Amino acid sequence: MFQSAHDAYLESRVLSATPLELVNMLYQGAIGAVQDARHHLAGGKIAERSRAISRACGILMELTAALNHEAGGELGARLAALYDYMQRRLLEANFQQADPPLGEVLGLLTTLAEAWTEISRSVTPPAAEVSPWSQPIPPEPACAYSAGSWSL
């Protein structure tokens, strides 16, 4: 029950998110996956570590696929190269069962997440478009009765 409620909440959150919010959510997911991988590595849980690293790699692949290379130009190309580098470091960490590559990727993801958070704060949401079919909300009529004057 809890998992399905959590999944429904997450689906609702994703469907209502702006593109910047989606990128932030992906970064938070990748950071959490790398933290989980480090925790499982320290605990000697091989299968769990591998799943966490696979989850982080999957998120990095989604971030790579979401890049608009035409609009992003050099920045898009650099981000793609950085995501590729992080994926290679994650695979290296998994094969070597080593923590330093995980720590490096965690630092890179945290820095990128902070940058995207700042970008999100600086971008103001677009003003809602006014439809020619919309009607103004009429002002509330003045009421001759106070809220406390009704009694039954």
Foldseek 3Di string as FASTA:
>chain_A
DVVVVVVVVVVVPVVPDDPLVVLLVLLVLLLVLLVQLLVCLVVVNLVSNVVSLVSNLVSLVVVLVPQDCVVCPPNNVVSNVVSVVLNVLSVVCSVVSDCPSSVVSSVVSVVVSVVSVVVVVVDDDDDDDDDPPDDDDDDDDDDPDDPPPDDD
